[in-house]
Amino acid sequence: MATTTNFSVRMDSDIKSQCEILYGELGVNLTTAINVFLRQSLRVGGFPFDVRLDQPNRETIAAMLEAERIAKDPNVKHYSDVEEALQELKR
């Protein structure tokens, strides 16, 4: 049998309470849930879920979709380079 050790974690008390309720509904306590997380981290060699930055918000996604639509629209004037577009702006 493996030896055990204790460690302390500081966390928001509301988060702790919510997690205790959530994991309780799943039939485990918070200690078991943390152990599952840590074991899964070892198994996969990192976080056991995707950790990402810069996920676009709705406004950015809408702007990207609009840019794609404009790029594909044959009625919209297209430029071969930035200089050509700047010349058009100067007119």
C-alpha atoms as a PDB file:
ATOM      1  CA  MET A   1       0.000   0.000   0.000  1.00  0.00           C
ATOM      2  CA  ALA A   2       1.277   3.472  -0.882  1.00  0.00           C
ATOM      3  CA  THR A   3       2.064   5.900   1.881  1.00  0.00           C
ATOM      4  CA  THR A   4      -0.006   9.050   2.018  1.00  0.00           C
ATOM      5  CA  THR A   5       0.812  12.650   2.781  1.00  0.00           C
ATOM      6  CA  ASN A   6      -1.147  15.802   3.512  1.00  0.00           C
ATOM      7  CA  PHE A   7      -0.973  19.072   1.636  1.00  0.00           C
ATOM      8  CA  SER A   8      -2.876  22.334   1.961  1.00  0.00           C
ATOM      9  CA  VAL A   9      -4.605  24.221  -0.813  1.00  0.00           C
ATOM     10  CA  ARG A  10      -5.904  27.756  -0.538  1.00  0.00           C
ATOM     11  CA  MET A  11      -9.080  28.325  -2.504  1.00  0.00           C
ATOM     12  CA  ASP A  12     -12.164  30.466  -2.571  1.00  0.00           C
ATOM     13  CA  SER A  13     -14.589  29.123   0.042  1.00  0.00           C
ATOM     14  CA  ASP A  14     -17.545  29.392  -2.357  1.00  0.00           C
ATOM     15  CA  ILE A  15     -15.703  27.341  -4.981  1.00  0.00           C
ATOM     16  CA  LYS A  16     -14.855  24.724  -2.359  1.00  0.00           C
ATOM     17  CA  SER A  17     -18.491  24.490  -1.228  1.00  0.00           C
ATOM     18  CA  GLN A  18     -19.784  24.222  -4.774  1.00  0.00           C
ATOM     19  CA  CYS A  19     -17.237  21.524  -5.617  1.00  0.00           C
ATOM     20  CA  GLU A  20     -18.066  19.566  -2.469  1.00  0.00           C
ATOM     21  CA  ILE A  21     -21.715  19.559  -3.542  1.00  0.00           C
ATOM     22  CA  LEU A  22     -20.880  18.653  -7.152  1.00  0.00           C
ATOM     23  CA  TYR A  23     -18.520  15.801  -6.276  1.00  0.00           C
ATOM     24  CA  GLY A  24     -20.853  14.649  -3.509  1.00  0.00           C
ATOM     25  CA  GLU A  25     -23.539  14.204  -6.151  1.00  0.00           C
ATOM     26  CA  LEU A  26     -21.010  12.105  -8.087  1.00  0.00           C
ATOM     27  CA  GLY A  27     -20.410   9.979  -4.994  1.00  0.00           C
ATOM     28  CA  VAL A  28     -16.922  11.182  -4.062  1.00  0.00           C
ATOM     29  CA  ASN A  29     -15.477  13.705  -1.660  1.00  0.00           C
ATOM     30  CA  LEU A  30     -13.192  16.598  -2.565  1.00  0.00           C
ATOM     31  CA  THR A  31     -10.044  14.679  -1.579  1.00  0.00           C
ATOM     32  CA  THR A  32     -10.938  11.836  -3.931  1.00  0.00           C
ATOM     33  CA  ALA A  33     -11.767  14.292  -6.726  1.00  0.00           C
ATOM     34  CA  ILE A  34      -8.379  15.993  -6.332  1.00  0.00           C
ATOM     35  CA  ASN A  35      -6.643  12.610  -6.352  1.00  0.00           C
ATOM     36  CA  VAL A  36      -8.474  11.686  -9.548  1.00  0.00           C
ATOM     37  CA  PHE A  37      -7.341  14.977 -11.115  1.00  0.00           C
ATOM     38  CA  LEU A  38      -3.711  14.408 -10.091  1.00  0.00           C
ATOM     39  CA  ARG A  39      -3.642  10.768 -11.240  1.00  0.00           C
ATOM     40  CA  GLN A  40      -5.190  11.715 -14.572  1.00  0.00           C
ATOM     41  CA  SER A  41      -2.593  14.491 -14.917  1.00  0.00           C
ATOM     42  CA  LEU A  42       0.166  11.903 -14.501  1.00  0.00           C
ATOM     43  CA  ARG A  43      -1.514   9.541 -16.944  1.00  0.00           C
ATOM     44  CA  VAL A  44      -1.783  12.124 -19.736  1.00  0.00           C
ATOM     45  CA  GLY A  45       1.411  14.011 -18.932  1.00  0.00           C
ATOM     46  CA  GLY A  46      -0.199  17.363 -18.162  1.00  0.00           C
ATOM     47  CA  PHE A  47      -3.546  18.919 -17.474  1.00  0.00           C
ATOM     48  CA  PRO A  48      -6.278  16.327 -18.076  1.00  0.00           C
ATOM     49  CA  PHE A  49      -8.199  18.862 -20.172  1.00  0.00           C
ATOM     50  CA  ASP A  50      -7.403  21.542 -22.734  1.00  0.00           C
ATOM     51  CA  VAL A  51      -5.892  24.721 -21.321  1.00  0.00           C
ATOM     52  CA  ARG A  52      -6.242  27.555 -23.807  1.00  0.00           C
ATOM     53  CA  LEU A  53      -5.789  31.272 -24.077  1.00  0.00           C
ATOM     54  CA  ASP A  54      -7.397  33.797 -26.374  1.00  0.00           C
ATOM     55  CA  GLN A  55     -10.617  31.994 -27.108  1.00  0.00           C
ATOM     56  CA  PRO A  56     -12.480  34.526 -29.224  1.00  0.00           C
ATOM     57  CA  ASN A  57     -15.615  36.079 -27.785  1.00  0.00           C
ATOM     58  CA  ARG A  58     -18.887  36.446 -29.708  1.00  0.00           C
ATOM     59  CA  GLU A  59     -17.993  39.880 -31.065  1.00  0.00           C
ATOM     60  CA  THR A  60     -14.660  38.644 -32.416  1.00  0.00           C
ATOM     61  CA  ILE A  61     -16.253  35.561 -33.957  1.00  0.00           C
ATOM     62  CA  ALA A  62     -18.878  37.765 -35.626  1.00  0.00           C
ATOM     63  CA  ALA A  63     -16.141  40.035 -37.016  1.00  0.00           C
ATOM     64  CA  MET A  64     -14.213  37.030 -38.332  1.00  0.00           C
ATOM     65  CA  LEU A  65     -17.314  35.651 -40.046  1.00  0.00           C
ATOM     66  CA  GLU A  66     -18.029  39.072 -41.558  1.00  0.00           C
ATOM     67  CA  ALA A  67     -14.451  39.287 -42.856  1.00  0.00           C
ATOM     68  CA  GLU A  68     -14.796  35.846 -44.462  1.00  0.00           C
ATOM     69  CA  ARG A  69     -18.092  36.875 -46.061  1.00  0.00           C
ATOM     70  CA  ILE A  70     -16.565  40.091 -47.429  1.00  0.00           C
ATOM     71  CA  ALA A  71     -13.513  38.230 -48.754  1.00  0.00           C
ATOM     72  CA  LYS A  72     -15.743  35.840 -50.709  1.00  0.00           C
ATOM     73  CA  ASP A  73     -18.158  38.512 -51.997  1.00  0.00           C
ATOM     74  CA  PRO A  74     -17.462  39.126 -55.716  1.00  0.00           C
ATOM     75  CA  ASN A  75     -19.123  42.573 -55.475  1.00  0.00           C
ATOM     76  CA  VAL A  76     -16.544  43.855 -52.982  1.00  0.00           C
ATOM     77  CA  LYS A  77     -13.450  45.531 -54.442  1.00  0.00           C
ATOM     78  CA  HIS A  78     -10.292  43.571 -53.720  1.00  0.00           C
ATOM     79  CA  TYR A  79      -6.712  44.844 -53.704  1.00  0.00           C
ATOM     80  CA  SER A  80      -3.558  42.988 -54.631  1.00  0.00           C
ATOM     81  CA  ASP A  81      -1.479  44.676 -51.910  1.00  0.00           C
ATOM     82  CA  VAL A  82      -1.555  47.309 -49.171  1.00  0.00           C
ATOM     83  CA  GLU A  83      -0.094  50.040 -51.402  1.00  0.00           C
ATOM     84  CA  GLU A  84      -2.953  49.639 -53.878  1.00  0.00           C
ATOM     85  CA  ALA A  85      -5.498  49.919 -51.047  1.00  0.00           C
ATOM     86  CA  LEU A  86      -3.762  53.015 -49.641  1.00  0.00           C
ATOM     87  CA  GLN A  87      -3.767  54.682 -53.062  1.00  0.00           C
ATOM     88  CA  GLU A  88      -7.508  54.073 -53.275  1.00  0.00           C
ATOM     89  CA  LEU A  89      -7.982  55.712 -49.861  1.00  0.00           C
ATOM     90  CA  LYS A  90      -6.053  58.801 -50.975  1.00  0.00           C
ATOM     91  CA  ARG A  91      -8.417  59.440 -53.895  1.00  0.00           C
END
